[in-house]
Protein backbone atom coordinates (compact mmCIF):
# COMPACT_ATOMS: atom_id res chain seq x y z
CA MET A 1 0.00 0.00 0.00
CA ASP A 2 1.50 3.34 -1.02
CA ALA A 3 1.53 6.46 1.18
CA ALA A 4 -1.46 8.13 -0.53
CA ALA A 5 -3.60 5.00 -0.17
CA PHE A 6 -2.55 4.62 3.47
CA ILE A 7 -3.50 8.23 4.27
CA GLY A 8 -6.85 7.82 2.49
CA THR A 9 -7.56 4.63 4.39
CA SER A 10 -6.54 6.21 7.70
CA TRP A 11 -8.99 9.07 7.17
CA ILE A 12 -11.83 6.68 6.44
CA CYS A 13 -11.03 4.65 9.58
CA ALA A 14 -10.86 7.82 11.70
CA LEU A 15 -14.15 9.05 10.24
CA ALA A 16 -15.80 5.68 10.95
CA LEU A 17 -14.63 5.71 14.58
CA CYS A 18 -15.84 9.31 15.05
CA ALA A 19 -19.20 8.34 13.55
CA VAL A 20 -19.56 5.39 15.93
CA LEU A 21 -18.73 7.64 18.87
CA GLY A 22 -21.12 10.35 17.69
CA ASP A 23 -24.13 8.27 16.75
CA ALA A 24 -24.97 7.83 20.42
CA PHE A 25 -25.88 11.53 20.27
CA LEU A 26 -26.97 11.73 16.62
CA PRO A 27 -28.45 8.36 15.62
CA PHE A 28 -28.96 9.42 12.00
CA ILE A 29 -25.18 9.26 11.39
CA PRO A 30 -24.54 6.24 9.10
CA SER A 31 -21.88 4.79 11.39
CA GLY A 32 -22.46 1.18 10.31
CA SER A 33 -22.00 2.07 6.64
CA LEU A 34 -18.82 4.01 7.39
CA VAL A 35 -17.41 1.10 9.40
CA ILE A 36 -18.20 -1.27 6.52
CA LEU A 37 -16.47 1.11 4.10
CA ALA A 38 -13.41 1.24 6.37
CA VAL A 39 -13.38 -2.57 6.55
CA LEU A 40 -13.53 -2.84 2.76
CA ARG A 41 -10.64 -0.39 2.40
CA THR A 42 -8.47 -2.25 4.93
CA SER A 43 -9.54 -5.87 4.40
CA GLN A 44 -6.28 -6.78 2.61
CA VAL A 45 -4.08 -5.43 5.42
CA ASP A 46 -3.07 -8.12 7.94
CA GLY A 47 -4.79 -7.62 11.28
CA ALA A 48 -6.62 -4.44 10.16
CA PRO A 49 -10.18 -5.79 10.58
CA LEU A 50 -9.36 -6.98 14.10
CA LEU A 51 -7.85 -3.62 15.07
CA LEU A 52 -10.73 -1.77 13.47
CA GLY A 53 -13.23 -3.95 15.33
CA LEU A 54 -11.50 -3.19 18.63
CA GLY A 55 -11.51 0.53 17.83
CA VAL A 56 -15.22 0.40 16.91
CA ALA A 57 -16.08 -1.37 20.18
CA ILE A 58 -14.14 1.21 22.23
CA ALA A 59 -15.68 4.16 20.34
CA SER A 60 -19.16 2.68 20.79
CA PHE A 61 -18.69 2.19 24.53
CA LEU A 62 -17.21 5.69 24.96
CA GLY A 63 -20.20 7.19 23.12
CA ASP A 64 -22.55 5.45 25.54
CA LEU A 65 -20.50 6.60 28.52
CA LEU A 66 -20.48 10.24 27.37
CA LEU A 67 -24.22 10.41 26.68
CA LEU A 68 -25.00 8.55 29.90
CA ASN A 69 -22.98 11.04 31.95
CA LEU A 70 -24.49 14.03 30.16
CA ALA A 71 -28.00 12.70 30.85
CA ARG A 72 -27.10 11.92 34.46
CA ARG A 73 -25.83 15.46 35.04
CA GLY A 74 -28.90 16.99 33.43
CA ALA A 75 -26.97 18.71 30.65
CA PRO A 76 -29.06 21.56 29.20
CA ALA A 77 -28.63 20.28 25.64
CA VAL A 78 -30.04 16.88 26.65
CA GLN A 79 -32.94 18.47 28.53
CA ARG A 80 -33.77 20.72 25.55
CA ARG A 81 -33.68 17.76 23.20
CA LEU A 82 -36.13 15.82 25.34
CA ALA A 83 -38.35 18.88 25.83
CA HIS A 84 -38.61 19.56 22.09
CA ARG A 85 -39.06 15.93 21.05
CA PRO A 86 -42.09 14.38 22.73
CA LYS A 87 -41.68 11.08 20.86
CA LEU A 88 -38.10 10.74 22.06
CA ALA A 89 -39.16 11.64 25.63
CA ALA A 90 -41.94 9.01 25.46
CA SER A 91 -39.48 6.40 24.16
CA VAL A 92 -37.07 7.21 26.99
CA GLU A 93 -39.87 6.83 29.53
CA ARG A 94 -40.94 3.47 28.03
CA MET A 95 -37.34 2.27 28.12
CA GLN A 96 -37.03 3.27 31.78
CA GLN A 97 -40.16 1.28 32.59
CA SER A 98 -39.00 -1.78 30.67
CA PHE A 99 -35.52 -1.61 32.22
CA ALA A 100 -36.64 -1.05 35.85
CA GLY A 101 -36.91 -4.07 38.08
CA ARG A 102 -35.66 -6.51 35.45
CA SER A 103 -33.39 -9.41 36.22
CA SER A 104 -29.74 -9.05 35.34
CA ARG A 105 -30.12 -11.38 32.36
CA THR A 106 -33.17 -9.56 30.96
CA ALA A 107 -31.55 -6.15 31.42
CA ALA A 108 -28.44 -7.39 29.60
CA ALA A 109 -30.62 -8.61 26.71
CA ILE A 110 -32.33 -5.20 26.50
CA VAL A 111 -28.97 -3.41 26.31
CA ILE A 112 -27.67 -5.77 23.62
CA ILE A 113 -30.85 -5.62 21.51
CA ALA A 114 -30.94 -1.80 21.77
CA ARG A 115 -27.50 -1.68 20.15
CA PHE A 116 -28.87 -3.30 16.99
CA VAL A 117 -32.04 -1.16 16.77
CA PRO A 118 -31.80 2.22 14.99
CA ALA A 119 -31.61 4.97 17.67
CA GLY A 120 -31.93 2.24 20.33
CA ARG A 121 -28.68 3.05 22.09
CA THR A 122 -29.58 6.77 22.24
CA VAL A 123 -32.91 6.05 23.92
CA LEU A 124 -31.30 3.52 26.26
CA ASP A 125 -28.45 5.84 27.30
CA LEU A 126 -30.90 8.67 28.03
CA ALA A 127 -33.21 6.32 29.95
CA VAL A 128 -30.42 4.90 32.12
CA GLY A 129 -28.94 8.38 32.59
CA HIS A 130 -32.27 9.61 33.98
CA SER A 131 -32.73 6.56 36.20
CA PRO A 132 -31.66 6.60 39.86
CA GLU A 133 -29.37 3.60 39.45
CA ARG A 134 -27.22 2.16 36.68
CA GLY A 135 -26.99 -1.40 37.88
CA GLY A 136 -24.74 -3.36 35.57
CA PHE A 137 -25.38 -1.09 32.59
CA LEU A 138 -21.73 -0.28 31.88
CA ARG A 139 -20.76 -3.94 31.84
CA TRP A 140 -23.62 -4.80 29.49
CA SER A 141 -22.90 -1.76 27.34
CA ALA A 142 -19.30 -2.92 26.91
CA LEU A 143 -20.52 -6.40 25.93
CA ALA A 144 -23.07 -4.93 23.48
CA ALA A 145 -20.35 -2.72 21.95
CA LEU A 146 -18.10 -5.74 21.41
CA LEU A 147 -20.92 -7.79 19.85
CA TRP A 148 -22.01 -4.98 17.52
CA ALA A 149 -18.41 -4.25 16.48
CA ALA A 150 -17.79 -7.95 15.74
CA TYR A 151 -21.04 -8.14 13.76
CA ILE A 152 -20.55 -5.03 11.60
CA VAL A 153 -16.85 -5.65 10.92
CA SER A 154 -17.50 -9.32 10.08
CA LEU A 155 -20.30 -8.33 7.73
CA GLY A 156 -18.00 -6.01 5.79
CA TRP A 157 -15.08 -8.46 5.85
CA LEU A 158 -17.13 -11.42 4.63
CA ASN A 159 -18.67 -9.44 1.78
CA SER A 160 -15.24 -8.10 0.78
CA HIS A 161 -14.20 -11.72 0.20
CA TRP A 162 -17.42 -12.86 -1.46
CA PHE A 163 -17.62 -10.15 -4.13
CA ASP A 164 -14.98 -8.96 -6.56
CA THR A 165 -15.99 -5.31 -6.61
CA ALA A 166 -15.86 -2.91 -3.68
CA TRP A 167 -19.07 -1.10 -4.59
CA LEU A 168 -21.04 -4.36 -4.68
CA SER A 169 -19.54 -5.45 -1.35
CA LEU A 170 -20.51 -2.10 0.17
CA ALA A 171 -24.05 -2.22 -1.26
CA VAL A 172 -24.70 -5.80 -0.10
CA SER A 173 -23.17 -5.17 3.35
CA CYS A 174 -25.20 -1.99 3.94
CA ALA A 175 -28.40 -3.63 2.68
CA ALA A 176 -27.81 -6.63 4.96
CA ALA A 177 -27.10 -4.39 7.97
CA THR A 178 -30.25 -2.34 7.32
CA THR A 179 -32.37 -5.48 6.90
CA ILE A 180 -31.05 -7.03 10.09
CA SER A 181 -31.55 -3.80 12.10
CA THR A 182 -35.10 -3.44 10.76
CA ALA A 183 -35.89 -7.06 11.61
CA VAL A 184 -34.55 -6.67 15.15
CA ALA A 185 -36.53 -3.43 15.62
CA ARG A 186 -39.75 -5.10 14.46
CA TRP A 187 -39.16 -8.11 16.67
CA ALA A 188 -38.50 -5.85 19.70
CA ARG A 189 -41.66 -3.83 18.95
CA ARG A 190 -43.81 -6.97 18.68
CA ARG A 191 -42.31 -8.33 21.88
CA ARG A 192 -43.01 -5.06 23.72
CA HIS A 193 -46.64 -5.06 22.55
CA ALA A 194 -47.06 -8.71 23.53
CA VAL A 195 -45.73 -8.00 27.03
CA ALA A 196 -47.96 -4.91 27.34
CA VAL A 197 -51.05 -6.97 26.47
């Protein structure tokens, strides 16, 4: 790999890690797509997918930790966001109710599932931040970050080896990630309605 290619790849990796960190606050950031793109650009470098996966897991956990602490301290920006977005505030309240009083195993499952649902980690971080106790949230958040990083990096890596062209690998990987996230979100919604009834 020449110097220009290395610099280009480094920028994509840095952008992907920043996106993963930031999508705790701004869930519309296409962090998964950027991670897949970074994987495709580095898939031929020995050990790069593993290092990228570790970086993604750390960035994901740090994003949760930052938003959790901002919510816990009652940061004005967080309060304004909840005040101006009634749907988000209602989602946070529902998450608090579903998280409260749950067994350790059920709470861990909620944290892990929320990582795979669009905007799920944002709602969860705000809910836990506004709750009186964290319980084992940080431990489960770290586990969820590792699982999501392994999933998204593996998805990009596998498709980079299955298809000859980078654009097709990117398209298939992003479509698969979107389909899986949508399926998990629908399953979680059906499960919540079934429990409510």
